[in-house]
């Protein structure tokens, strides 16, 4: 006589393994693969909270296009486009731009009195010139600049920030260089493509005025960087609204601040964590006899060959 096994009813209690699969506890979050020491965000710096607050209240809203009130949530990328490609800068926008420009110039002037920062900037610019051929690969450029600074006696390292989505904040990650002064202990931020991080499509004339003030390479302390990022985030929001566009989440002040002030790992590894060992070895064995390539005298270990003049 055949024996029929009792099938498990849907109403039977679920075991713990099934419950874990339902709620997703069985899936582990992918680890952030990176070497170096781990640091939290600047929790003790209360000033950062002020920069994270998004000021949605804007003066002279009546001068901004009414398209902002008719945004279609189903539009691709969250944008509300306008048929008019010409600048829609109002008089109020120009006034606000003038204020932003004055604030930026004030920050830049305060930076110039820092002697350590000025000397560090000159060394960074020298490194950028030496490794000009690696500008197309920011990871490689960062490590070459770090190595150059280390050879000149600086406590330089690669910093990798990474943050998760939370409360309207989009997740992201970023990489830059920092230098810690051996005398004062001050931390200096170095970004080799600073101005490029604020480039936007269909920028207004007023926004381009502000963008032209930004240095291509930033070197400075945290308080200066926070102010500059906040001012540029305000300018970005103003420019997009003047065009009738929504402010994307990756352009908000909170997201931009996290690029440099989110939780980070500090490492002095010359090889990127996601880089291929084989490809790195190929780069390191470039011969000096190749046209346009040469090693820096007394400077070994560069990840990318230094640029040299051919005439």
C-alpha atoms as a PDB file:
ATOM      1  CA  UNK A   1       0.000   0.000   0.000  1.00  0.00           C
ATOM      2  CA  UNK A   2       1.493   3.387  -0.996  1.00  0.00           C
ATOM      3  CA  UNK A   3       2.331   5.700   1.867  1.00  0.00           C
ATOM      4  CA  UNK A   4       1.318   9.333   1.421  1.00  0.00           C
ATOM      5  CA  UNK A   5       3.441  11.875   3.269  1.00  0.00           C
ATOM      6  CA  UNK A   6       1.571  14.655   4.940  1.00  0.00           C
ATOM      7  CA  UNK A   7       2.183  17.918   3.091  1.00  0.00           C
ATOM      8  CA  UNK A   8       2.940  20.968   5.107  1.00  0.00           C
ATOM      9  CA  UNK A   9       0.014  23.343   5.277  1.00  0.00           C
ATOM     10  CA  UNK A  10       0.363  27.061   4.666  1.00  0.00           C
ATOM     11  CA  UNK A  11      -1.072  27.670   8.098  1.00  0.00           C
ATOM     12  CA  UNK A  12       1.678  25.638   9.821  1.00  0.00           C
ATOM     13  CA  UNK A  13       4.169  27.712  11.792  1.00  0.00           C
ATOM     14  CA  UNK A  14       7.175  28.784   9.751  1.00  0.00           C
ATOM     15  CA  UNK A  15      10.625  27.808  10.919  1.00  0.00           C
ATOM     16  CA  UNK A  16      13.260  30.440  11.638  1.00  0.00           C
ATOM     17  CA  UNK A  17      15.100  29.879   8.367  1.00  0.00           C
ATOM     18  CA  UNK A  18      12.006  30.644   6.301  1.00  0.00           C
ATOM     19  CA  UNK A  19      11.201  33.674   8.417  1.00  0.00           C
ATOM     20  CA  UNK A  20      14.713  35.011   7.826  1.00  0.00           C
ATOM     21  CA  UNK A  21      14.273  34.587   4.068  1.00  0.00           C
ATOM     22  CA  UNK A  22      10.961  36.454   4.119  1.00  0.00           C
ATOM     23  CA  UNK A  23      12.276  39.502   5.955  1.00  0.00           C
ATOM     24  CA  UNK A  24      15.644  39.420   4.214  1.00  0.00           C
ATOM     25  CA  UNK A  25      17.788  38.594   7.240  1.00  0.00           C
ATOM     26  CA  UNK A  26      19.499  35.767   5.356  1.00  0.00           C
ATOM     27  CA  UNK A  27      21.161  38.193   2.942  1.00  0.00           C
ATOM     28  CA  UNK A  28      24.317  39.833   4.129  1.00  0.00           C
ATOM     29  CA  UNK A  29      25.173  43.346   3.071  1.00  0.00           C
ATOM     30  CA  UNK A  30      28.152  43.550   0.759  1.00  0.00           C
ATOM     31  CA  UNK A  31      31.184  44.750   2.657  1.00  0.00           C
ATOM     32  CA  UNK A  32      32.984  47.922   1.678  1.00  0.00           C
ATOM     33  CA  UNK A  33      36.290  46.509   0.502  1.00  0.00           C
ATOM     34  CA  UNK A  34      39.029  48.944   1.382  1.00  0.00           C
ATOM     35  CA  UNK A  35      42.207  48.860   3.360  1.00  0.00           C
ATOM     36  CA  UNK A  36      43.298  51.452   5.890  1.00  0.00           C
ATOM     37  CA  UNK A  37      41.990  52.860   9.119  1.00  0.00           C
ATOM     38  CA  UNK A  38      38.262  53.493   9.454  1.00  0.00           C
ATOM     39  CA  UNK A  39      36.896  56.830  10.650  1.00  0.00           C
ATOM     40  CA  UNK A  40      33.399  57.998  11.456  1.00  0.00           C
ATOM     41  CA  UNK A  41      31.879  61.211  10.240  1.00  0.00           C
ATOM     42  CA  UNK A  42      32.655  64.378  12.150  1.00  0.00           C
ATOM     43  CA  UNK A  43      30.034  63.772  14.818  1.00  0.00           C
ATOM     44  CA  UNK A  44      31.685  66.201  17.200  1.00  0.00           C
ATOM     45  CA  UNK A  45      31.532  69.014  14.673  1.00  0.00           C
ATOM     46  CA  UNK A  46      28.112  70.563  15.175  1.00  0.00           C
ATOM     47  CA  UNK A  47      28.718  73.080  12.401  1.00  0.00           C
ATOM     48  CA  UNK A  48      28.290  70.334   9.827  1.00  0.00           C
ATOM     49  CA  UNK A  49      24.634  69.960  10.807  1.00  0.00           C
ATOM     50  CA  UNK A  50      23.987  73.508   9.665  1.00  0.00           C
ATOM     51  CA  UNK A  51      25.374  72.715   6.223  1.00  0.00           C
ATOM     52  CA  UNK A  52      23.284  69.524   5.983  1.00  0.00           C
ATOM     53  CA  UNK A  53      20.034  71.438   6.420  1.00  0.00           C
ATOM     54  CA  UNK A  54      18.421  72.099   3.084  1.00  0.00           C
ATOM     55  CA  UNK A  55      16.998  75.614   2.923  1.00  0.00           C
ATOM     56  CA  UNK A  56      14.016  75.221   0.662  1.00  0.00           C
ATOM     57  CA  UNK A  57      12.689  78.683   1.414  1.00  0.00           C
ATOM     58  CA  UNK A  58      13.840  81.035  -1.301  1.00  0.00           C
ATOM     59  CA  UNK A  59      13.217  84.745  -1.575  1.00  0.00           C
ATOM     60  CA  UNK A  60      11.794  86.161  -4.775  1.00  0.00           C
ATOM     61  CA  UNK A  61      10.026  82.894  -5.603  1.00  0.00           C
ATOM     62  CA  UNK A  62       7.631  84.853  -7.768  1.00  0.00           C
ATOM     63  CA  UNK A  63      10.466  85.592 -10.151  1.00  0.00           C
ATOM     64  CA  UNK A  64      11.206  81.911 -10.670  1.00  0.00           C
ATOM     65  CA  UNK A  65       9.401  79.944 -13.355  1.00  0.00           C
ATOM     66  CA  UNK A  66       6.020  78.551 -12.357  1.00  0.00           C
ATOM     67  CA  UNK A  67       7.045  75.274 -13.930  1.00  0.00           C
ATOM     68  CA  UNK A  68       8.369  74.273 -10.507  1.00  0.00           C
ATOM     69  CA  UNK A  69       4.761  73.925  -9.315  1.00  0.00           C
ATOM     70  CA  UNK A  70       3.846  71.598 -12.157  1.00  0.00           C
ATOM     71  CA  UNK A  71       6.601  69.005 -11.975  1.00  0.00           C
ATOM     72  CA  UNK A  72       5.708  65.555 -13.224  1.00  0.00           C
ATOM     73  CA  UNK A  73       6.913  62.943 -10.763  1.00  0.00           C
ATOM     74  CA  UNK A  74       7.021  60.344 -13.541  1.00  0.00           C
ATOM     75  CA  UNK A  75       9.500  62.300 -15.687  1.00  0.00           C
ATOM     76  CA  UNK A  76      12.780  60.528 -16.348  1.00  0.00           C
ATOM     77  CA  UNK A  77      15.488  61.440 -13.804  1.00  0.00           C
ATOM     78  CA  UNK A  78      13.009  63.673 -12.013  1.00  0.00           C
ATOM     79  CA  UNK A  79      13.494  66.609 -14.335  1.00  0.00           C
ATOM     80  CA  UNK A  80      10.913  69.084 -15.575  1.00  0.00           C
ATOM     81  CA  UNK A  81      12.338  70.425 -18.804  1.00  0.00           C
ATOM     82  CA  UNK A  82      11.646  73.764 -20.369  1.00  0.00           C
ATOM     83  CA  UNK A  83      11.297  74.608 -24.040  1.00  0.00           C
ATOM     84  CA  UNK A  84      13.292  77.809 -23.616  1.00  0.00           C
ATOM     85  CA  UNK A  85      17.055  77.133 -23.611  1.00  0.00           C
ATOM     86  CA  UNK A  86      18.005  80.777 -23.073  1.00  0.00           C
ATOM     87  CA  UNK A  87      18.972  82.092 -19.670  1.00  0.00           C
ATOM     88  CA  UNK A  88      16.021  82.895 -17.426  1.00  0.00           C
ATOM     89  CA  UNK A  89      18.139  84.777 -14.879  1.00  0.00           C
ATOM     90  CA  UNK A  90      15.969  87.263 -13.073  1.00  0.00           C
ATOM     91  CA  UNK A  91      17.184  90.377 -11.320  1.00  0.00           C
ATOM     92  CA  UNK A  92      16.713  88.621  -8.003  1.00  0.00           C
ATOM     93  CA  UNK A  93      18.885  85.698  -9.198  1.00  0.00           C
ATOM     94  CA  UNK A  94      21.653  88.120 -10.131  1.00  0.00           C
ATOM     95  CA  UNK A  95      21.509  89.725  -6.698  1.00  0.00           C
ATOM     96  CA  UNK A  96      21.726  86.366  -4.971  1.00  0.00           C
ATOM     97  CA  UNK A  97      24.614  85.398  -7.251  1.00  0.00           C
ATOM     98  CA  UNK A  98      26.497  88.553  -6.292  1.00  0.00           C
ATOM     99  CA  UNK A  99      26.111  87.643  -2.632  1.00  0.00           C
ATOM    100  CA  UNK A 100      27.369  84.094  -3.263  1.00  0.00           C
ATOM    101  CA  UNK A 101      30.357  85.418  -5.196  1.00  0.00           C
ATOM    102  CA  UNK A 102      31.293  87.813  -2.405  1.00  0.00           C
ATOM    103  CA  UNK A 103      31.096  84.973   0.118  1.00  0.00           C
ATOM    104  CA  UNK A 104      33.291  82.734  -2.046  1.00  0.00           C
ATOM    105  CA  UNK A 105      35.911  85.436  -2.529  1.00  0.00           C
ATOM    106  CA  UNK A 106      35.961  85.980   1.237  1.00  0.00           C
ATOM    107  CA  UNK A 107      36.698  82.289   1.827  1.00  0.00           C
ATOM    108  CA  UNK A 108      39.459  82.255  -0.781  1.00  0.00           C
ATOM    109  CA  UNK A 109      41.088  85.322   0.764  1.00  0.00           C
ATOM    110  CA  UNK A 110      41.098  83.719   4.204  1.00  0.00           C
ATOM    111  CA  UNK A 111      42.849  80.668   2.747  1.00  0.00           C
ATOM    112  CA  UNK A 112      45.733  82.723   1.403  1.00  0.00           C
ATOM    113  CA  UNK A 113      46.998  83.619   4.888  1.00  0.00           C
ATOM    114  CA  UNK A 114      47.693  79.951   5.696  1.00  0.00           C
ATOM    115  CA  UNK A 115      51.378  79.447   4.880  1.00  0.00           C
ATOM    116  CA  UNK A 116      51.310  75.668   5.286  1.00  0.00           C
ATOM    117  CA  UNK A 117      48.370  75.440   2.925  1.00  0.00           C
ATOM    118  CA  UNK A 118      50.057  77.658   0.328  1.00  0.00           C
ATOM    119  CA  UNK A 119      53.247  75.563   0.309  1.00  0.00           C
ATOM    120  CA  UNK A 120      51.192  72.374   0.171  1.00  0.00           C
ATOM    121  CA  UNK A 121      49.203  73.749  -2.769  1.00  0.00           C
ATOM    122  CA  UNK A 122      52.391  74.518  -4.701  1.00  0.00           C
ATOM    123  CA  UNK A 123      53.594  70.939  -4.171  1.00  0.00           C
ATOM    124  CA  UNK A 124      50.242  69.523  -5.290  1.00  0.00           C
ATOM    125  CA  UNK A 125      50.350  71.624  -8.455  1.00  0.00           C
ATOM    126  CA  UNK A 126      53.884  70.370  -9.135  1.00  0.00           C
ATOM    127  CA  UNK A 127      52.658  66.798  -8.779  1.00  0.00           C
ATOM    128  CA  UNK A 128      49.744  67.520 -11.120  1.00  0.00           C
ATOM    129  CA  UNK A 129      52.192  68.795 -13.712  1.00  0.00           C
ATOM    130  CA  UNK A 130      54.515  65.812 -13.319  1.00  0.00           C
ATOM    131  CA  UNK A 131      51.686  63.304 -13.677  1.00  0.00           C
ATOM    132  CA  UNK A 132      49.655  65.187 -16.249  1.00  0.00           C
ATOM    133  CA  UNK A 133      49.263  62.064 -18.388  1.00  0.00           C
ATOM    134  CA  UNK A 134      47.289  60.287 -15.659  1.00  0.00           C
ATOM    135  CA  UNK A 135      44.602  62.964 -15.321  1.00  0.00           C
ATOM    136  CA  UNK A 136      42.112  60.815 -17.209  1.00  0.00           C
ATOM    137  CA  UNK A 137      42.296  58.224 -14.400  1.00  0.00           C
ATOM    138  CA  UNK A 138      41.495  59.995 -11.149  1.00  0.00           C
ATOM    139  CA  UNK A 139      42.298  56.991  -8.952  1.00  0.00           C
ATOM    140  CA  UNK A 140      45.756  56.727 -10.438  1.00  0.00           C
ATOM    141  CA  UNK A 141      46.277  60.475 -10.268  1.00  0.00           C
ATOM    142  CA  UNK A 142      45.284  60.572  -6.605  1.00  0.00           C
ATOM    143  CA  UNK A 143      47.813  57.876  -5.745  1.00  0.00           C
ATOM    144  CA  UNK A 144      50.575  59.478  -7.740  1.00  0.00           C
ATOM    145  CA  UNK A 145      49.962  62.819  -6.025  1.00  0.00           C
ATOM    146  CA  UNK A 146      49.853  61.082  -2.632  1.00  0.00           C
ATOM    147  CA  UNK A 147      53.149  59.344  -3.348  1.00  0.00           C
ATOM    148  CA  UNK A 148      54.719  62.602  -4.532  1.00  0.00           C
ATOM    149  CA  UNK A 149      53.666  64.362  -1.318  1.00  0.00           C
ATOM    150  CA  UNK A 150      54.941  61.513   0.838  1.00  0.00           C
ATOM    151  CA  UNK A 151      58.320  61.743  -0.884  1.00  0.00           C
ATOM    152  CA  UNK A 152      58.341  65.405   0.076  1.00  0.00           C
ATOM    153  CA  UNK A 153      57.777  64.628   3.751  1.00  0.00           C
ATOM    154  CA  UNK A 154      53.986  65.075   4.035  1.00  0.00           C
ATOM    155  CA  UNK A 155      51.681  62.768   5.980  1.00  0.00           C
ATOM    156  CA  UNK A 156      49.478  62.162   2.931  1.00  0.00           C
ATOM    157  CA  UNK A 157      46.906  59.423   2.384  1.00  0.00           C
ATOM    158  CA  UNK A 158      43.921  58.435   0.259  1.00  0.00           C
ATOM    159  CA  UNK A 159      40.544  58.946   1.933  1.00  0.00           C
ATOM    160  CA  UNK A 160      37.520  56.952   0.760  1.00  0.00           C
ATOM    161  CA  UNK A 161      34.118  58.075   1.964  1.00  0.00           C
ATOM    162  CA  UNK A 162      31.060  55.817   1.742  1.00  0.00           C
ATOM    163  CA  UNK A 163      27.561  56.401   3.086  1.00  0.00           C
ATOM    164  CA  UNK A 164      24.182  54.686   2.906  1.00  0.00           C
ATOM    165  CA  UNK A 165      20.760  56.022   1.947  1.00  0.00           C
ATOM    166  CA  UNK A 166      18.992  57.545   4.922  1.00  0.00           C
ATOM    167  CA  UNK A 167      16.213  60.082   5.347  1.00  0.00           C
ATOM    168  CA  UNK A 168      16.250  61.422   1.806  1.00  0.00           C
ATOM    169  CA  UNK A 169      20.017  61.105   1.478  1.00  0.00           C
ATOM    170  CA  UNK A 170      21.113  59.082  -1.549  1.00  0.00           C
ATOM    171  CA  UNK A 171      23.912  56.577  -0.965  1.00  0.00           C
ATOM    172  CA  UNK A 172      27.277  57.230  -2.532  1.00  0.00           C
ATOM    173  CA  UNK A 173      31.040  57.103  -2.227  1.00  0.00           C
ATOM    174  CA  UNK A 174      33.963  59.348  -3.061  1.00  0.00           C
ATOM    175  CA  UNK A 175      37.742  59.506  -2.942  1.00  0.00           C
ATOM    176  CA  UNK A 176      40.204  62.326  -2.280  1.00  0.00           C
ATOM    177  CA  UNK A 177      43.576  62.994  -0.641  1.00  0.00           C
ATOM    178  CA  UNK A 178      44.259  64.435   2.776  1.00  0.00           C
ATOM    179  CA  UNK A 179      47.389  65.691   4.520  1.00  0.00           C
ATOM    180  CA  UNK A 180      47.749  65.974   8.282  1.00  0.00           C
ATOM    181  CA  UNK A 181      50.161  68.650   9.480  1.00  0.00           C
ATOM    182  CA  UNK A 182      52.804  67.216  11.792  1.00  0.00           C
ATOM    183  CA  UNK A 183      53.053  70.528  13.666  1.00  0.00           C
ATOM    184  CA  UNK A 184      49.476  71.666  14.207  1.00  0.00           C
ATOM    185  CA  UNK A 185      47.631  68.392  13.543  1.00  0.00           C
ATOM    186  CA  UNK A 186      45.314  70.219  11.131  1.00  0.00           C
ATOM    187  CA  UNK A 187      43.815  68.136   8.349  1.00  0.00           C
ATOM    188  CA  UNK A 188      43.980  69.502   4.807  1.00  0.00           C
ATOM    189  CA  UNK A 189      41.692  68.249   2.048  1.00  0.00           C
ATOM    190  CA  UNK A 190      43.024  67.852  -1.496  1.00  0.00           C
ATOM    191  CA  UNK A 191      40.744  67.336  -4.484  1.00  0.00           C
ATOM    192  CA  UNK A 192      42.402  67.133  -7.890  1.00  0.00           C
ATOM    193  CA  UNK A 193      39.139  67.745  -9.806  1.00  0.00           C
ATOM    194  CA  UNK A 194      37.264  70.044  -7.471  1.00  0.00           C
ATOM    195  CA  UNK A 195      35.575  72.370  -9.963  1.00  0.00           C
ATOM    196  CA  UNK A 196      34.457  69.418 -12.059  1.00  0.00           C
ATOM    197  CA  UNK A 197      32.371  68.060  -9.166  1.00  0.00           C
ATOM    198  CA  UNK A 198      29.991  71.024  -9.489  1.00  0.00           C
ATOM    199  CA  UNK A 199      29.510  71.010 -13.258  1.00  0.00           C
ATOM    200  CA  UNK A 200      25.845  70.865 -14.246  1.00  0.00           C
ATOM    201  CA  UNK A 201      23.952  70.719 -17.517  1.00  0.00           C
ATOM    202  CA  UNK A 202      22.230  73.810 -18.900  1.00  0.00           C
ATOM    203  CA  UNK A 203      23.944  76.090 -16.399  1.00  0.00           C
ATOM    204  CA  UNK A 204      22.776  79.681 -16.321  1.00  0.00           C
ATOM    205  CA  UNK A 205      25.085  82.624 -16.891  1.00  0.00           C
ATOM    206  CA  UNK A 206      24.998  83.448 -13.196  1.00  0.00           C
ATOM    207  CA  UNK A 207      26.036  79.919 -12.252  1.00  0.00           C
ATOM    208  CA  UNK A 208      28.907  79.972 -14.736  1.00  0.00           C
ATOM    209  CA  UNK A 209      30.134  83.173 -13.085  1.00  0.00           C
ATOM    210  CA  UNK A 210      30.386  81.301  -9.799  1.00  0.00           C
ATOM    211  CA  UNK A 211      31.852  78.150 -11.322  1.00  0.00           C
ATOM    212  CA  UNK A 212      34.634  80.152 -12.967  1.00  0.00           C
ATOM    213  CA  UNK A 213      35.803  81.250  -9.527  1.00  0.00           C
ATOM    214  CA  UNK A 214      36.408  77.708  -8.337  1.00  0.00           C
ATOM    215  CA  UNK A 215      39.965  76.351  -8.459  1.00  0.00           C
ATOM    216  CA  UNK A 216      40.501  73.235 -10.536  1.00  0.00           C
ATOM    217  CA  UNK A 217      42.463  71.797  -7.594  1.00  0.00           C
ATOM    218  CA  UNK A 218      41.283  72.419  -4.033  1.00  0.00           C
ATOM    219  CA  UNK A 219      43.622  72.443  -1.043  1.00  0.00           C
ATOM    220  CA  UNK A 220      42.278  73.653   2.285  1.00  0.00           C
ATOM    221  CA  UNK A 221      40.860  72.949   5.713  1.00  0.00           C
ATOM    222  CA  UNK A 222      37.480  71.496   6.534  1.00  0.00           C
ATOM    223  CA  UNK A 223      35.814  74.763   7.564  1.00  0.00           C
ATOM    224  CA  UNK A 224      36.679  76.385   4.232  1.00  0.00           C
ATOM    225  CA  UNK A 225      35.561  73.350   2.252  1.00  0.00           C
ATOM    226  CA  UNK A 226      32.225  73.187   4.078  1.00  0.00           C
ATOM    227  CA  UNK A 227      31.454  76.820   3.289  1.00  0.00           C
ATOM    228  CA  UNK A 228      32.414  76.488  -0.364  1.00  0.00           C
ATOM    229  CA  UNK A 229      30.331  73.336  -0.865  1.00  0.00           C
ATOM    230  CA  UNK A 230      27.312  74.972   0.809  1.00  0.00           C
ATOM    231  CA  UNK A 231      27.611  78.074  -1.373  1.00  0.00           C
ATOM    232  CA  UNK A 232      27.940  75.994  -4.554  1.00  0.00           C
ATOM    233  CA  UNK A 233      24.967  73.836  -3.563  1.00  0.00           C
ATOM    234  CA  UNK A 234      22.878  76.985  -3.171  1.00  0.00           C
ATOM    235  CA  UNK A 235      24.063  78.227  -6.554  1.00  0.00           C
ATOM    236  CA  UNK A 236      23.255  74.878  -8.162  1.00  0.00           C
ATOM    237  CA  UNK A 237      19.721  74.889  -6.773  1.00  0.00           C
ATOM    238  CA  UNK A 238      19.188  78.456  -7.951  1.00  0.00           C
ATOM    239  CA  UNK A 239      20.454  77.681 -11.457  1.00  0.00           C
ATOM    240  CA  UNK A 240      18.324  74.567 -11.898  1.00  0.00           C
ATOM    241  CA  UNK A 241      15.192  76.272 -10.610  1.00  0.00           C
ATOM    242  CA  UNK A 242      15.783  79.159 -12.993  1.00  0.00           C
ATOM    243  CA  UNK A 243      15.750  76.584 -15.782  1.00  0.00           C
ATOM    244  CA  UNK A 244      12.575  74.965 -14.481  1.00  0.00           C
ATOM    245  CA  UNK A 245      14.460  71.834 -13.382  1.00  0.00           C
ATOM    246  CA  UNK A 246      14.257  69.779 -10.226  1.00  0.00           C
ATOM    247  CA  UNK A 247      17.266  69.542  -7.943  1.00  0.00           C
ATOM    248  CA  UNK A 248      18.485  65.915  -8.231  1.00  0.00           C
ATOM    249  CA  UNK A 249      19.342  64.178  -4.943  1.00  0.00           C
ATOM    250  CA  UNK A 250      23.031  63.875  -5.866  1.00  0.00           C
ATOM    251  CA  UNK A 251      23.255  67.661  -6.163  1.00  0.00           C
ATOM    252  CA  UNK A 252      21.799  68.486  -2.775  1.00  0.00           C
ATOM    253  CA  UNK A 253      24.021  70.048  -0.149  1.00  0.00           C
ATOM    254  CA  UNK A 254      23.763  67.059   2.166  1.00  0.00           C
ATOM    255  CA  UNK A 255      24.958  64.652  -0.517  1.00  0.00           C
ATOM    256  CA  UNK A 256      27.784  66.930  -1.622  1.00  0.00           C
ATOM    257  CA  UNK A 257      28.967  67.431   1.972  1.00  0.00           C
ATOM    258  CA  UNK A 258      29.140  63.667   2.463  1.00  0.00           C
ATOM    259  CA  UNK A 259      31.669  63.376  -0.346  1.00  0.00           C
ATOM    260  CA  UNK A 260      34.300  64.861   1.928  1.00  0.00           C
ATOM    261  CA  UNK A 261      32.782  64.603   5.413  1.00  0.00           C
ATOM    262  CA  UNK A 262      31.045  61.232   5.444  1.00  0.00           C
ATOM    263  CA  UNK A 263      32.439  58.127   7.213  1.00  0.00           C
ATOM    264  CA  UNK A 264      35.764  57.332   5.597  1.00  0.00           C
ATOM    265  CA  UNK A 265      38.761  55.011   5.459  1.00  0.00           C
ATOM    266  CA  UNK A 266      42.261  56.417   5.303  1.00  0.00           C
ATOM    267  CA  UNK A 267      44.821  54.334   3.446  1.00  0.00           C
ATOM    268  CA  UNK A 268      48.332  54.742   2.056  1.00  0.00           C
ATOM    269  CA  UNK A 269      48.057  51.798  -0.349  1.00  0.00           C
ATOM    270  CA  UNK A 270      49.352  52.658  -3.793  1.00  0.00           C
ATOM    271  CA  UNK A 271      47.064  50.166  -5.521  1.00  0.00           C
ATOM    272  CA  UNK A 272      43.291  50.849  -5.728  1.00  0.00           C
ATOM    273  CA  UNK A 273      41.207  48.222  -3.927  1.00  0.00           C
ATOM    274  CA  UNK A 274      39.285  47.432  -7.132  1.00  0.00           C
ATOM    275  CA  UNK A 275      42.352  47.623  -9.357  1.00  0.00           C
ATOM    276  CA  UNK A 276      43.818  44.695 -11.224  1.00  0.00           C
ATOM    277  CA  UNK A 277      47.235  43.518 -10.096  1.00  0.00           C
ATOM    278  CA  UNK A 278      48.179  42.462 -13.576  1.00  0.00           C
ATOM    279  CA  UNK A 279      47.315  45.821 -15.085  1.00  0.00           C
ATOM    280  CA  UNK A 280      49.171  47.610 -12.313  1.00  0.00           C
ATOM    281  CA  UNK A 281      52.318  45.613 -13.001  1.00  0.00           C
ATOM    282  CA  UNK A 282      52.065  46.492 -16.669  1.00  0.00           C
ATOM    283  CA  UNK A 283      51.929  50.189 -15.825  1.00  0.00           C
ATOM    284  CA  UNK A 284      54.876  49.944 -13.436  1.00  0.00           C
ATOM    285  CA  UNK A 285      57.142  48.343 -16.031  1.00  0.00           C
ATOM    286  CA  UNK A 286      56.912  51.118 -18.627  1.00  0.00           C
ATOM    287  CA  UNK A 287      60.406  51.668 -20.010  1.00  0.00           C
ATOM    288  CA  UNK A 288      62.073  55.055 -19.942  1.00  0.00           C
ATOM    289  CA  UNK A 289      63.014  54.612 -23.606  1.00  0.00           C
ATOM    290  CA  UNK A 290      59.398  55.039 -24.682  1.00  0.00           C
ATOM    291  CA  UNK A 291      58.708  58.370 -26.328  1.00  0.00           C
ATOM    292  CA  UNK A 292      57.032  60.843 -23.983  1.00  0.00           C
ATOM    293  CA  UNK A 293      57.617  58.813 -20.823  1.00  0.00           C
ATOM    294  CA  UNK A 294      60.320  59.094 -18.237  1.00  0.00           C
ATOM    295  CA  UNK A 295      60.791  58.448 -14.558  1.00  0.00           C
ATOM    296  CA  UNK A 296      61.253  61.332 -12.152  1.00  0.00           C
ATOM    297  CA  UNK A 297      64.830  61.571 -10.937  1.00  0.00           C
ATOM    298  CA  UNK A 298      65.024  60.320  -7.363  1.00  0.00           C
ATOM    299  CA  UNK A 299      61.291  59.518  -7.354  1.00  0.00           C
ATOM    300  CA  UNK A 300      60.602  55.797  -7.579  1.00  0.00           C
ATOM    301  CA  UNK A 301      57.400  53.862  -7.175  1.00  0.00           C
ATOM    302  CA  UNK A 302      55.033  56.064  -9.195  1.00  0.00           C
ATOM    303  CA  UNK A 303      51.963  54.230 -10.406  1.00  0.00           C
ATOM    304  CA  UNK A 304      51.876  56.080 -13.695  1.00  0.00           C
ATOM    305  CA  UNK A 305      54.837  57.357 -15.742  1.00  0.00           C
ATOM    306  CA  UNK A 306      55.618  61.018 -15.364  1.00  0.00           C
ATOM    307  CA  UNK A 307      55.087  63.416 -18.220  1.00  0.00           C
ATOM    308  CA  UNK A 308      58.214  64.842 -19.819  1.00  0.00           C
ATOM    309  CA  UNK A 309      58.815  67.410 -22.496  1.00  0.00           C
ATOM    310  CA  UNK A 310      59.869  65.987 -25.847  1.00  0.00           C
ATOM    311  CA  UNK A 311      61.415  69.187 -27.083  1.00  0.00           C
END
